[in-house]
Amino acid sequence: MKTRIKRWLGLGALAVLIAAGALAWYGNEPLPIEPLPKTINVVPGTNLRSLSTLLEREGVVGNAQVFWLLGRLLGKAGTLKVGVYVLDRPLTPLALYGKIERGEVSQAIMQFIEGWNWREVQTALAEQPMLKNDSAGMSEAEILQAIGAPEAHIEGLLFPDTYFYAPQASDLTVLRRAYRRQHEKLLAAWETRAPGLPYRTPYEALIMASIVEKETGQGAERPLIAGVFLNRLRLGMRLQTDPTVIYGLGDRFDGNLRKPDLQRDTPYNTYTRAGLPPTPIAMPGEAAIEAALHPAQTDALYFVARGDGTHVFSSTLEAHNRAVNRYQREHR
C-alpha cells in the first residue's frame, strides 16, 4: 500500500513538473500576434480572466485559459494597469504581462462615476500615476477659468464617463473634456425638454438631475423620482431629500444621518429650506438628466425605500405613512 502511495505521489510530482515546464516554455515563446500593430484597450474593472478572454478575442493569445493560468501562478491578478496598449512587435506572454504590469500605455484611462461629488473627482485625479495633477494647486475659480466654465461652482458640471489621456498629460485636459461633454448633454436635453417644467434655466435642471442621481440607482425609477420632486416644487412643498442634507454637512457627515442633522440649517438642507439647493450635489449621468427634463407623469408626492434598492411611491401622506411604518418595521 505504501509503495502504491509513493508511486502515485511520484507521478503527481512528475505531472506538476511537466506542467510547470510547459508553462515556462509557453511564457517565453513569442505570441502569434497578427496583424501588427495591435491595439488593446484595458478598461477599468478588467481582471485577469477578462483580460485573457479579451486577448484571445483580439488574436493576441491563442488560448485564454493558458494565459490566465500563467498570470495566476505568477501573481499578476492585482497588477494590471488600465490603458490603451499598442503591440507593435512580437511579445512573449511574460513580456506582455510585464508591459501591462508596468503600465506602458499609449493612452491611459480613468473613469468619473455617476453620483461622484467634486471631492471624489479630486481624489480620483490624484490617484492617477500617469496624470499631472495640476488642479491640486488651484482654487475652484482658477480651475473653472482653466476649463472654460463661466459657472461659479464646479459641482455637477462634469460628465461621468471613461476618459483617455496621454501619459503625463495635465488633469485639466480631462476636466475640460468632461465639462464640455456635460454642457453638450445638458443643452441637448434642454432643447427637447417636456413642456411646463418649473425650471428657469438648464442649470436648475442639472441641480434636479444630481438629486435624482443620488436618490436611486434604479434606472426605471429615475423619471418617477423626478416627477415626485417636481410635483413638490409646483405645490411649494419642501423637497425633503436626504442626499442634499448629507452634501451640506460635508465632512461632518459620519455615515449616519440623524434627526439633528435634518434640523441643522445649511443652504443644502431641503428640510429647512424651500426650493432647489444652490448647486448640484453630484455628477448626474445622462439618464438622470433625461429624467429631470422628461419626468414621469405621476400624482405621487412621497416615496420610501423598500430596502432592496427600489421605492414605494404614494400620492397621500396617509398612504406614505403606512409604507414608512411597514418598511421601517421590516428593516429594523
C-alpha atoms as a PDB file:
ATOM      1  CA  MET A   1       0.000   0.000   0.000  1.00  0.00           C
ATOM      2  CA  LYS A   2       2.799   2.405   0.954  1.00  0.00           C
ATOM      3  CA  THR A   3       4.609   1.564  -2.268  1.00  0.00           C
ATOM      4  CA  ARG A   4       1.459   2.415  -4.260  1.00  0.00           C
ATOM      5  CA  ILE A   5       1.035   5.723  -2.437  1.00  0.00           C
ATOM      6  CA  LYS A   6       4.659   6.634  -3.104  1.00  0.00           C
ATOM      7  CA  ARG A   7       4.191   5.750  -6.755  1.00  0.00           C
ATOM      8  CA  TRP A   8       1.120   8.000  -7.033  1.00  0.00           C
ATOM      9  CA  LEU A   9       2.877  10.821  -5.227  1.00  0.00           C
ATOM     10  CA  GLY A  10       5.810  10.449  -7.554  1.00  0.00           C
ATOM     11  CA  LEU A  11       3.563  10.536 -10.578  1.00  0.00           C
ATOM     12  CA  GLY A  12       1.780  13.601  -9.192  1.00  0.00           C
ATOM     13  CA  ALA A  13       5.067  15.402  -8.631  1.00  0.00           C
ATOM     14  CA  LEU A  14       6.177  14.482 -12.132  1.00  0.00           C
ATOM     15  CA  ALA A  15       2.922  15.845 -13.584  1.00  0.00           C
ATOM     16  CA  VAL A  16       3.428  19.113 -11.691  1.00  0.00           C
ATOM     17  CA  LEU A  17       6.964  19.389 -13.021  1.00  0.00           C
ATOM     18  CA  ILE A  18       5.817  18.725 -16.554  1.00  0.00           C
ATOM     19  CA  ALA A  19       3.025  21.324 -16.256  1.00  0.00           C
ATOM     20  CA  ALA A  20       5.441  23.854 -14.780  1.00  0.00           C
ATOM     21  CA  GLY A  21       7.904  23.192 -17.578  1.00  0.00           C
ATOM     22  CA  ALA A  22       5.189  23.591 -20.185  1.00  0.00           C
ATOM     23  CA  LEU A  23       4.084  26.909 -18.681  1.00  0.00           C
ATOM     24  CA  ALA A  24       7.683  28.112 -18.503  1.00  0.00           C
ATOM     25  CA  TRP A  25       8.141  27.216 -22.167  1.00  0.00           C
ATOM     26  CA  TYR A  26       4.849  28.914 -23.042  1.00  0.00           C
ATOM     27  CA  GLY A  27       5.753  32.044 -21.094  1.00  0.00           C
ATOM     28  CA  ASN A  28       8.922  32.533 -23.133  1.00  0.00           C
ATOM     29  CA  GLU A  29       7.586  31.710 -26.600  1.00  0.00           C
ATOM     30  CA  PRO A  30       6.644  34.679 -28.844  1.00  0.00           C
ATOM     31  CA  LEU A  31       2.910  35.087 -29.261  1.00  0.00           C
ATOM     32  CA  PRO A  32       1.451  34.817 -32.782  1.00  0.00           C
ATOM     33  CA  ILE A  33       0.158  38.404 -32.819  1.00  0.00           C
ATOM     34  CA  GLU A  34      -1.314  39.203 -36.250  1.00  0.00           C
ATOM     35  CA  PRO A  35      -1.589  41.699 -37.731  1.00  0.00           C
ATOM     36  CA  LEU A  36       0.828  44.154 -36.130  1.00  0.00           C
ATOM     37  CA  PRO A  37       0.421  46.699 -34.722  1.00  0.00           C
ATOM     38  CA  LYS A  38      -2.410  45.595 -32.440  1.00  0.00           C
ATOM     39  CA  THR A  39      -4.251  47.940 -30.061  1.00  0.00           C
ATOM     40  CA  ILE A  40      -5.586  46.534 -26.779  1.00  0.00           C
ATOM     41  CA  ASN A  41      -7.895  48.557 -24.549  1.00  0.00           C
ATOM     42  CA  VAL A  42      -7.679  47.511 -20.886  1.00  0.00           C
ATOM     43  CA  VAL A  43     -10.580  49.319 -19.251  1.00  0.00           C
ATOM     44  CA  PRO A  44     -11.246  49.910 -15.536  1.00  0.00           C
ATOM     45  CA  GLY A  45     -12.654  46.779 -13.924  1.00  0.00           C
ATOM     46  CA  THR A  46     -10.638  44.399 -16.122  1.00  0.00           C
ATOM     47  CA  ASN A  47      -9.424  41.379 -14.170  1.00  0.00           C
ATOM     48  CA  LEU A  48      -7.059  38.581 -15.120  1.00  0.00           C
ATOM     49  CA  ARG A  49      -9.827  36.394 -16.517  1.00  0.00           C
ATOM     50  CA  SER A  50     -11.455  39.118 -18.629  1.00  0.00           C
ATOM     51  CA  LEU A  51      -8.026  40.281 -19.860  1.00  0.00           C
ATOM     52  CA  SER A  52      -7.208  36.764 -21.039  1.00  0.00           C
ATOM     53  CA  THR A  53     -10.561  36.490 -22.817  1.00  0.00           C
ATOM     54  CA  LEU A  54     -10.021  39.897 -24.443  1.00  0.00           C
ATOM     55  CA  LEU A  55      -6.557  38.943 -25.677  1.00  0.00           C
ATOM     56  CA  GLU A  56      -7.840  35.683 -27.178  1.00  0.00           C
ATOM     57  CA  ARG A  57     -10.719  37.513 -28.884  1.00  0.00           C
ATOM     58  CA  GLU A  58      -8.299  40.087 -30.330  1.00  0.00           C
ATOM     59  CA  GLY A  59      -5.982  37.395 -31.666  1.00  0.00           C
ATOM     60  CA  VAL A  60      -3.116  38.173 -29.298  1.00  0.00           C
ATOM     61  CA  VAL A  61      -3.065  34.850 -27.440  1.00  0.00           C
ATOM     62  CA  GLY A  62      -4.158  31.503 -28.776  1.00  0.00           C
ATOM     63  CA  ASN A  63      -5.597  30.132 -25.534  1.00  0.00           C
ATOM     64  CA  ALA A  64      -7.097  32.391 -22.877  1.00  0.00           C
ATOM     65  CA  GLN A  65      -7.104  29.639 -20.252  1.00  0.00           C
ATOM     66  CA  VAL A  66      -3.360  29.010 -20.524  1.00  0.00           C
ATOM     67  CA  PHE A  67      -2.544  32.741 -20.487  1.00  0.00           C
ATOM     68  CA  TRP A  68      -4.799  33.186 -17.423  1.00  0.00           C
ATOM     69  CA  LEU A  69      -3.178  30.226 -15.631  1.00  0.00           C
ATOM     70  CA  LEU A  70       0.309  31.631 -16.233  1.00  0.00           C
ATOM     71  CA  GLY A  71      -0.735  35.008 -14.834  1.00  0.00           C
ATOM     72  CA  ARG A  72      -2.457  33.385 -11.856  1.00  0.00           C
ATOM     73  CA  LEU A  73       0.626  31.363 -10.948  1.00  0.00           C
ATOM     74  CA  LEU A  74       2.836  34.438 -11.289  1.00  0.00           C
ATOM     75  CA  GLY A  75       0.563  36.546  -9.043  1.00  0.00           C
ATOM     76  CA  LYS A  76      -0.379  39.055 -11.754  1.00  0.00           C
ATOM     77  CA  ALA A  77      -4.049  39.366 -10.775  1.00  0.00           C
ATOM     78  CA  GLY A  78      -3.630  42.613  -8.830  1.00  0.00           C
ATOM     79  CA  THR A  79      -1.002  44.250 -11.029  1.00  0.00           C
ATOM     80  CA  LEU A  80      -2.939  45.115 -14.197  1.00  0.00           C
ATOM     81  CA  LYS A  81      -2.786  48.758 -15.275  1.00  0.00           C
ATOM     82  CA  VAL A  82      -5.669  50.139 -17.327  1.00  0.00           C
ATOM     83  CA  GLY A  83      -4.967  51.964 -20.549  1.00  0.00           C
ATOM     84  CA  VAL A  84      -4.551  51.581 -24.297  1.00  0.00           C
ATOM     85  CA  TYR A  85      -1.629  49.330 -25.220  1.00  0.00           C
ATOM     86  CA  VAL A  86      -0.115  49.262 -28.705  1.00  0.00           C
ATOM     87  CA  LEU A  87       1.608  45.973 -29.522  1.00  0.00           C
ATOM     88  CA  ASP A  88       3.964  46.826 -32.367  1.00  0.00           C
ATOM     89  CA  ARG A  89       6.305  43.818 -32.202  1.00  0.00           C
ATOM     90  CA  PRO A  90       6.130  40.132 -31.251  1.00  0.00           C
ATOM     91  CA  LEU A  91       5.985  39.593 -27.488  1.00  0.00           C
ATOM     92  CA  THR A  92       6.169  36.580 -25.222  1.00  0.00           C
ATOM     93  CA  PRO A  93       3.382  36.109 -22.647  1.00  0.00           C
ATOM     94  CA  LEU A  94       5.849  37.096 -19.917  1.00  0.00           C
ATOM     95  CA  ALA A  95       6.831  40.245 -21.799  1.00  0.00           C
ATOM     96  CA  LEU A  96       3.169  41.113 -22.363  1.00  0.00           C
ATOM     97  CA  TYR A  97       2.381  40.699 -18.683  1.00  0.00           C
ATOM     98  CA  GLY A  98       5.363  42.910 -17.880  1.00  0.00           C
ATOM     99  CA  LYS A  99       4.180  45.596 -20.283  1.00  0.00           C
ATOM    100  CA  ILE A 100       0.707  45.692 -18.706  1.00  0.00           C
ATOM    101  CA  GLU A 101       2.109  45.474 -15.192  1.00  0.00           C
ATOM    102  CA  ARG A 102       4.413  48.457 -15.793  1.00  0.00           C
ATOM    103  CA  GLY A 103       1.610  50.429 -17.459  1.00  0.00           C
ATOM    104  CA  GLU A 104       3.461  51.029 -20.726  1.00  0.00           C
ATOM    105  CA  VAL A 105       0.427  52.597 -22.379  1.00  0.00           C
ATOM    106  CA  SER A 106      -0.001  54.869 -25.367  1.00  0.00           C
ATOM    107  CA  GLN A 107      -3.099  56.255 -23.672  1.00  0.00           C
ATOM    108  CA  ALA A 108      -4.163  55.954 -20.052  1.00  0.00           C
ATOM    109  CA  ILE A 109      -7.762  55.648 -18.882  1.00  0.00           C
ATOM    110  CA  MET A 110      -9.732  56.963 -15.946  1.00  0.00           C
ATOM    111  CA  GLN A 111     -13.400  56.965 -15.038  1.00  0.00           C
ATOM    112  CA  PHE A 112     -15.703  59.532 -13.487  1.00  0.00           C
ATOM    113  CA  ILE A 113     -18.600  57.673 -11.855  1.00  0.00           C
ATOM    114  CA  GLU A 114     -22.242  58.799 -11.773  1.00  0.00           C
ATOM    115  CA  GLY A 115     -23.038  60.270  -8.381  1.00  0.00           C
ATOM    116  CA  TRP A 116     -19.477  61.273  -7.503  1.00  0.00           C
ATOM    117  CA  ASN A 117     -19.052  64.713  -5.988  1.00  0.00           C
ATOM    118  CA  TRP A 118     -16.168  67.076  -6.705  1.00  0.00           C
ATOM    119  CA  ARG A 119     -14.100  65.840  -3.757  1.00  0.00           C
ATOM    120  CA  GLU A 120     -14.301  62.293  -5.095  1.00  0.00           C
ATOM    121  CA  VAL A 121     -13.241  63.505  -8.536  1.00  0.00           C
ATOM    122  CA  GLN A 122     -10.232  65.264  -6.991  1.00  0.00           C
ATOM    123  CA  THR A 123      -9.257  62.072  -5.167  1.00  0.00           C
ATOM    124  CA  ALA A 124      -9.507  60.052  -8.385  1.00  0.00           C
ATOM    125  CA  LEU A 125      -7.367  62.581 -10.267  1.00  0.00           C
ATOM    126  CA  ALA A 126      -4.691  62.495  -7.582  1.00  0.00           C
ATOM    127  CA  GLU A 127      -4.570  58.693  -7.749  1.00  0.00           C
ATOM    128  CA  GLN A 128      -3.731  58.631 -11.464  1.00  0.00           C
ATOM    129  CA  PRO A 129       0.037  57.986 -11.600  1.00  0.00           C
ATOM    130  CA  MET A 130       0.323  58.991 -15.265  1.00  0.00           C
ATOM    131  CA  LEU A 131      -1.700  62.202 -14.956  1.00  0.00           C
ATOM    132  CA  LYS A 132      -0.204  65.524 -13.860  1.00  0.00           C
ATOM    133  CA  ASN A 133      -2.391  66.758 -11.003  1.00  0.00           C
ATOM    134  CA  ASP A 134      -2.172  70.457 -11.920  1.00  0.00           C
ATOM    135  CA  SER A 135      -5.603  71.231 -10.481  1.00  0.00           C
ATOM    136  CA  ALA A 136      -4.461  70.274  -6.971  1.00  0.00           C
ATOM    137  CA  GLY A 137      -2.697  73.608  -6.531  1.00  0.00           C
ATOM    138  CA  MET A 138      -5.523  75.701  -7.958  1.00  0.00           C
ATOM    139  CA  SER A 139      -8.602  77.291  -6.432  1.00  0.00           C
ATOM    140  CA  GLU A 140     -12.035  76.300  -7.687  1.00  0.00           C
ATOM    141  CA  ALA A 141     -12.337  79.627  -9.502  1.00  0.00           C
ATOM    142  CA  GLU A 142      -8.973  79.067 -11.223  1.00  0.00           C
ATOM    143  CA  ILE A 143      -9.991  75.565 -12.308  1.00  0.00           C
ATOM    144  CA  LEU A 144     -13.272  76.818 -13.727  1.00  0.00           C
ATOM    145  CA  GLN A 145     -11.448  79.513 -15.688  1.00  0.00           C
ATOM    146  CA  ALA A 146      -8.887  76.980 -16.960  1.00  0.00           C
ATOM    147  CA  ILE A 147     -11.568  74.625 -18.313  1.00  0.00           C
ATOM    148  CA  GLY A 148     -13.624  77.430 -19.847  1.00  0.00           C
ATOM    149  CA  ALA A 149     -16.567  77.252 -17.446  1.00  0.00           C
ATOM    150  CA  PRO A 150     -18.431  80.518 -16.689  1.00  0.00           C
ATOM    151  CA  GLU A 151     -20.263  78.957 -13.727  1.00  0.00           C
ATOM    152  CA  ALA A 152     -19.328  79.836 -10.145  1.00  0.00           C
ATOM    153  CA  HIS A 153     -19.140  76.250  -8.822  1.00  0.00           C
ATOM    154  CA  ILE A 154     -17.726  73.111 -10.416  1.00  0.00           C
ATOM    155  CA  GLU A 155     -20.018  70.623  -8.676  1.00  0.00           C
ATOM    156  CA  GLY A 156     -22.131  68.710 -11.200  1.00  0.00           C
ATOM    157  CA  LEU A 157     -20.529  70.320 -14.264  1.00  0.00           C
ATOM    158  CA  LEU A 158     -18.500  67.241 -15.261  1.00  0.00           C
ATOM    159  CA  PHE A 159     -19.893  64.347 -17.269  1.00  0.00           C
ATOM    160  CA  PRO A 160     -19.386  60.906 -15.710  1.00  0.00           C
ATOM    161  CA  ASP A 161     -17.668  58.782 -18.337  1.00  0.00           C
ATOM    162  CA  THR A 162     -14.449  56.976 -19.269  1.00  0.00           C
ATOM    163  CA  TYR A 163     -11.683  59.351 -20.353  1.00  0.00           C
ATOM    164  CA  PHE A 164      -8.486  58.593 -22.256  1.00  0.00           C
ATOM    165  CA  TYR A 165      -5.387  60.724 -21.889  1.00  0.00           C
ATOM    166  CA  ALA A 166      -1.757  60.675 -22.951  1.00  0.00           C
ATOM    167  CA  PRO A 167       0.717  59.782 -20.181  1.00  0.00           C
ATOM    168  CA  GLN A 168       1.886  62.868 -18.269  1.00  0.00           C
ATOM    169  CA  ALA A 169      -0.969  64.996 -19.602  1.00  0.00           C
ATOM    170  CA  SER A 170      -2.452  67.626 -17.312  1.00  0.00           C
ATOM    171  CA  ASP A 171      -5.604  66.684 -15.440  1.00  0.00           C
ATOM    172  CA  LEU A 172      -7.027  69.977 -16.714  1.00  0.00           C
ATOM    173  CA  THR A 173      -7.313  68.394 -20.170  1.00  0.00           C
ATOM    174  CA  VAL A 174      -9.541  65.652 -18.733  1.00  0.00           C
ATOM    175  CA  LEU A 175     -11.597  68.153 -16.741  1.00  0.00           C
ATOM    176  CA  ARG A 176     -12.025  70.335 -19.812  1.00  0.00           C
ATOM    177  CA  ARG A 177     -13.386  67.421 -21.850  1.00  0.00           C
ATOM    178  CA  ALA A 178     -15.659  66.315 -19.026  1.00  0.00           C
ATOM    179  CA  TYR A 179     -17.046  69.841 -18.676  1.00  0.00           C
ATOM    180  CA  ARG A 180     -17.705  70.194 -22.414  1.00  0.00           C
ATOM    181  CA  ARG A 181     -19.455  66.820 -22.574  1.00  0.00           C
ATOM    182  CA  GLN A 182     -21.740  67.644 -19.656  1.00  0.00           C
ATOM    183  CA  HIS A 183     -22.501  71.052 -21.161  1.00  0.00           C
ATOM    184  CA  GLU A 184     -23.392  69.458 -24.506  1.00  0.00           C
ATOM    185  CA  LYS A 185     -25.522  66.722 -22.924  1.00  0.00           C
ATOM    186  CA  LEU A 186     -27.418  69.195 -20.757  1.00  0.00           C
ATOM    187  CA  LEU A 187     -28.157  71.658 -23.587  1.00  0.00           C
ATOM    188  CA  ALA A 188     -29.271  68.871 -25.950  1.00  0.00           C
ATOM    189  CA  ALA A 189     -31.688  67.520 -23.332  1.00  0.00           C
ATOM    190  CA  TRP A 190     -32.882  71.054 -22.504  1.00  0.00           C
ATOM    191  CA  GLU A 191     -33.836  71.668 -26.147  1.00  0.00           C
ATOM    192  CA  THR A 192     -36.194  68.663 -26.112  1.00  0.00           C
ATOM    193  CA  ARG A 193     -37.491  69.074 -22.538  1.00  0.00           C
ATOM    194  CA  ALA A 194     -41.068  68.301 -21.630  1.00  0.00           C
ATOM    195  CA  PRO A 195     -43.416  71.331 -21.548  1.00  0.00           C
ATOM    196  CA  GLY A 196     -44.463  73.012 -18.329  1.00  0.00           C
ATOM    197  CA  LEU A 197     -41.385  72.248 -16.224  1.00  0.00           C
ATOM    198  CA  PRO A 198     -40.720  74.727 -13.391  1.00  0.00           C
ATOM    199  CA  TYR A 199     -37.027  75.226 -14.240  1.00  0.00           C
ATOM    200  CA  ARG A 200     -35.891  78.690 -15.204  1.00  0.00           C
ATOM    201  CA  THR A 201     -32.501  77.600 -16.567  1.00  0.00           C
ATOM    202  CA  PRO A 202     -30.676  74.441 -17.676  1.00  0.00           C
ATOM    203  CA  TYR A 203     -28.564  74.785 -14.521  1.00  0.00           C
ATOM    204  CA  GLU A 204     -31.652  74.290 -12.345  1.00  0.00           C
ATOM    205  CA  ALA A 205     -32.406  71.118 -14.316  1.00  0.00           C
ATOM    206  CA  LEU A 206     -28.845  69.979 -13.630  1.00  0.00           C
ATOM    207  CA  ILE A 207     -29.388  70.520  -9.905  1.00  0.00           C
ATOM    208  CA  MET A 208     -32.517  68.367 -10.033  1.00  0.00           C
ATOM    209  CA  ALA A 209     -30.706  65.714 -12.070  1.00  0.00           C
ATOM    210  CA  SER A 210     -27.995  65.486  -9.407  1.00  0.00           C
ATOM    211  CA  ILE A 211     -30.631  64.877  -6.721  1.00  0.00           C
ATOM    212  CA  VAL A 212     -32.291  62.189  -8.846  1.00  0.00           C
ATOM    213  CA  GLU A 213     -28.865  60.589  -9.395  1.00  0.00           C
ATOM    214  CA  LYS A 214     -28.244  60.343  -5.656  1.00  0.00           C
ATOM    215  CA  GLU A 215     -31.756  59.178  -4.744  1.00  0.00           C
ATOM    216  CA  THR A 216     -31.867  55.982  -6.796  1.00  0.00           C
ATOM    217  CA  GLY A 217     -29.683  53.636  -8.761  1.00  0.00           C
ATOM    218  CA  GLN A 218     -32.719  52.073 -10.438  1.00  0.00           C
ATOM    219  CA  GLY A 219     -32.978  53.349 -13.995  1.00  0.00           C
ATOM    220  CA  ALA A 220     -36.721  52.774 -14.239  1.00  0.00           C
ATOM    221  CA  GLU A 221     -37.335  54.846 -11.100  1.00  0.00           C
ATOM    222  CA  ARG A 222     -35.464  57.985 -12.115  1.00  0.00           C
ATOM    223  CA  PRO A 223     -38.374  59.607 -14.021  1.00  0.00           C
ATOM    224  CA  LEU A 224     -40.707  58.801 -11.098  1.00  0.00           C
ATOM    225  CA  ILE A 225     -38.315  60.326  -8.558  1.00  0.00           C
ATOM    226  CA  ALA A 226     -38.050  63.427 -10.730  1.00  0.00           C
ATOM    227  CA  GLY A 227     -41.833  63.529 -11.058  1.00  0.00           C
ATOM    228  CA  VAL A 228     -42.283  63.492  -7.269  1.00  0.00           C
ATOM    229  CA  PHE A 229     -39.813  66.332  -6.712  1.00  0.00           C
ATOM    230  CA  LEU A 230     -41.315  68.418  -9.497  1.00  0.00           C
ATOM    231  CA  ASN A 231     -44.794  67.916  -8.019  1.00  0.00           C
ATOM    232  CA  ARG A 232     -43.448  69.181  -4.719  1.00  0.00           C
ATOM    233  CA  LEU A 233     -41.829  72.215  -6.335  1.00  0.00           C
ATOM    234  CA  ARG A 234     -45.073  73.132  -8.093  1.00  0.00           C
ATOM    235  CA  LEU A 235     -47.017  72.920  -4.814  1.00  0.00           C
ATOM    236  CA  GLY A 236     -44.424  74.859  -2.832  1.00  0.00           C
ATOM    237  CA  MET A 237     -43.579  71.817  -0.701  1.00  0.00           C
ATOM    238  CA  ARG A 238     -40.043  71.311   0.527  1.00  0.00           C
ATOM    239  CA  LEU A 239     -38.136  68.596  -1.273  1.00  0.00           C
ATOM    240  CA  GLN A 240     -37.002  66.934   1.971  1.00  0.00           C
ATOM    241  CA  THR A 241     -34.342  64.796   0.329  1.00  0.00           C
ATOM    242  CA  ASP A 242     -31.579  63.293   2.459  1.00  0.00           C
ATOM    243  CA  PRO A 243     -28.750  63.462  -0.136  1.00  0.00           C
ATOM    244  CA  THR A 244     -28.878  67.273  -0.151  1.00  0.00           C
ATOM    245  CA  VAL A 245     -28.635  67.343   3.658  1.00  0.00           C
ATOM    246  CA  ILE A 246     -25.658  64.973   3.559  1.00  0.00           C
ATOM    247  CA  TYR A 247     -23.944  67.141   0.954  1.00  0.00           C
ATOM    248  CA  GLY A 248     -24.479  70.245   3.087  1.00  0.00           C
ATOM    249  CA  LEU A 249     -22.965  68.525   6.136  1.00  0.00           C
ATOM    250  CA  GLY A 250     -19.735  67.862   4.225  1.00  0.00           C
ATOM    251  CA  ASP A 251     -17.032  66.369   6.448  1.00  0.00           C
ATOM    252  CA  ARG A 252     -19.391  66.452   9.436  1.00  0.00           C
ATOM    253  CA  PHE A 253     -21.377  63.561   7.980  1.00  0.00           C
ATOM    254  CA  ASP A 254     -20.187  60.323   9.599  1.00  0.00           C
ATOM    255  CA  GLY A 255     -22.303  57.913   7.573  1.00  0.00           C
ATOM    256  CA  ASN A 256     -25.329  58.039   9.875  1.00  0.00           C
ATOM    257  CA  LEU A 257     -27.967  60.708   9.214  1.00  0.00           C
ATOM    258  CA  ARG A 258     -29.676  61.699  12.472  1.00  0.00           C
ATOM    259  CA  LYS A 259     -32.649  63.891  13.333  1.00  0.00           C
ATOM    260  CA  PRO A 260     -30.423  66.805  14.488  1.00  0.00           C
ATOM    261  CA  ASP A 261     -28.737  66.661  11.067  1.00  0.00           C
ATOM    262  CA  LEU A 262     -32.114  67.134   9.375  1.00  0.00           C
ATOM    263  CA  GLN A 263     -32.733  70.158  11.605  1.00  0.00           C
ATOM    264  CA  ARG A 264     -29.292  71.723  11.062  1.00  0.00           C
ATOM    265  CA  ASP A 265     -29.819  74.540   8.584  1.00  0.00           C
ATOM    266  CA  THR A 266     -27.434  74.784   5.640  1.00  0.00           C
ATOM    267  CA  PRO A 267     -28.009  76.135   2.110  1.00  0.00           C
ATOM    268  CA  TYR A 268     -28.440  72.481   1.055  1.00  0.00           C
ATOM    269  CA  ASN A 269     -30.901  71.382   3.731  1.00  0.00           C
ATOM    270  CA  THR A 270     -34.129  70.810   1.792  1.00  0.00           C
ATOM    271  CA  TYR A 271     -35.937  70.040   5.065  1.00  0.00           C
ATOM    272  CA  THR A 272     -35.370  73.576   6.353  1.00  0.00           C
ATOM    273  CA  ARG A 273     -35.327  75.456   3.033  1.00  0.00           C
ATOM    274  CA  ALA A 274     -37.768  75.535   0.148  1.00  0.00           C
ATOM    275  CA  GLY A 275     -36.883  75.082  -3.495  1.00  0.00           C
ATOM    276  CA  LEU A 276     -33.770  73.650  -5.078  1.00  0.00           C
ATOM    277  CA  PRO A 277     -30.363  73.775  -3.377  1.00  0.00           C
ATOM    278  CA  PRO A 278     -27.949  76.393  -4.758  1.00  0.00           C
ATOM    279  CA  THR A 279     -25.805  73.951  -6.782  1.00  0.00           C
ATOM    280  CA  PRO A 280     -25.823  70.333  -7.896  1.00  0.00           C
ATOM    281  CA  ILE A 281     -24.754  67.864  -5.213  1.00  0.00           C
ATOM    282  CA  ALA A 282     -23.012  65.356  -7.503  1.00  0.00           C
ATOM    283  CA  MET A 283     -22.267  64.462 -11.122  1.00  0.00           C
ATOM    284  CA  PRO A 284     -25.516  63.342 -12.773  1.00  0.00           C
ATOM    285  CA  GLY A 285     -25.301  60.967 -15.674  1.00  0.00           C
ATOM    286  CA  GLU A 286     -27.205  61.241 -18.937  1.00  0.00           C
ATOM    287  CA  ALA A 287     -30.126  59.126 -17.663  1.00  0.00           C
ATOM    288  CA  ALA A 288     -30.625  61.365 -14.620  1.00  0.00           C
ATOM    289  CA  ILE A 289     -30.557  64.489 -16.809  1.00  0.00           C
ATOM    290  CA  GLU A 290     -33.125  62.935 -19.122  1.00  0.00           C
ATOM    291  CA  ALA A 291     -35.310  62.056 -16.126  1.00  0.00           C
ATOM    292  CA  ALA A 292     -35.149  65.610 -14.771  1.00  0.00           C
ATOM    293  CA  LEU A 293     -36.202  67.024 -18.152  1.00  0.00           C
ATOM    294  CA  HIS A 294     -38.644  64.237 -19.069  1.00  0.00           C
ATOM    295  CA  PRO A 295     -40.191  63.258 -15.730  1.00  0.00           C
ATOM    296  CA  ALA A 296     -42.910  60.686 -15.323  1.00  0.00           C
ATOM    297  CA  GLN A 297     -46.481  61.948 -15.191  1.00  0.00           C
ATOM    298  CA  THR A 298     -47.460  60.997 -11.646  1.00  0.00           C
ATOM    299  CA  ASP A 299     -49.557  62.296  -8.775  1.00  0.00           C
ATOM    300  CA  ALA A 300     -47.109  60.900  -6.218  1.00  0.00           C
ATOM    301  CA  LEU A 301     -45.709  63.296  -3.627  1.00  0.00           C
ATOM    302  CA  TYR A 302     -43.823  60.818  -1.442  1.00  0.00           C
ATOM    303  CA  PHE A 303     -41.618  57.774  -1.684  1.00  0.00           C
ATOM    304  CA  VAL A 304     -39.886  55.464   0.772  1.00  0.00           C
ATOM    305  CA  ALA A 305     -37.156  52.886   0.254  1.00  0.00           C
ATOM    306  CA  ARG A 306     -38.172  49.248   0.346  1.00  0.00           C
ATOM    307  CA  GLY A 307     -34.694  48.194   1.406  1.00  0.00           C
ATOM    308  CA  ASP A 308     -33.924  46.375  -1.838  1.00  0.00           C
ATOM    309  CA  GLY A 309     -32.907  49.430  -3.866  1.00  0.00           C
ATOM    310  CA  THR A 310     -36.441  50.242  -5.023  1.00  0.00           C
ATOM    311  CA  HIS A 311     -39.086  52.588  -3.607  1.00  0.00           C
ATOM    312  CA  VAL A 312     -42.796  52.715  -2.822  1.00  0.00           C
ATOM    313  CA  PHE A 313     -44.492  55.830  -4.210  1.00  0.00           C
ATOM    314  CA  SER A 314     -47.566  57.408  -2.598  1.00  0.00           C
ATOM    315  CA  SER A 315     -49.843  60.293  -3.509  1.00  0.00           C
ATOM    316  CA  THR A 316     -51.154  60.932   0.037  1.00  0.00           C
ATOM    317  CA  LEU A 317     -49.436  61.383   3.372  1.00  0.00           C
ATOM    318  CA  GLU A 318     -51.622  58.671   4.890  1.00  0.00           C
ATOM    319  CA  ALA A 319     -50.525  56.098   2.314  1.00  0.00           C
ATOM    320  CA  HIS A 320     -46.921  57.228   2.697  1.00  0.00           C
ATOM    321  CA  ASN A 321     -47.024  56.808   6.481  1.00  0.00           C
ATOM    322  CA  ARG A 322     -48.353  53.285   6.059  1.00  0.00           C
ATOM    323  CA  ALA A 323     -45.495  52.476   3.685  1.00  0.00           C
ATOM    324  CA  VAL A 324     -42.947  54.024   6.059  1.00  0.00           C
ATOM    325  CA  ASN A 325     -44.287  52.020   9.008  1.00  0.00           C
ATOM    326  CA  ARG A 326     -44.258  48.813   7.009  1.00  0.00           C
ATOM    327  CA  TYR A 327     -40.766  49.068   5.593  1.00  0.00           C
ATOM    328  CA  GLN A 328     -39.150  50.628   8.650  1.00  0.00           C
ATOM    329  CA  ARG A 329     -40.587  47.815  10.749  1.00  0.00           C
ATOM    330  CA  GLU A 330     -39.357  45.157   8.311  1.00  0.00           C
ATOM    331  CA  HIS A 331     -35.795  46.505   8.297  1.00  0.00           C
ATOM    332  CA  ARG A 332     -35.253  47.294  11.962  1.00  0.00           C
END
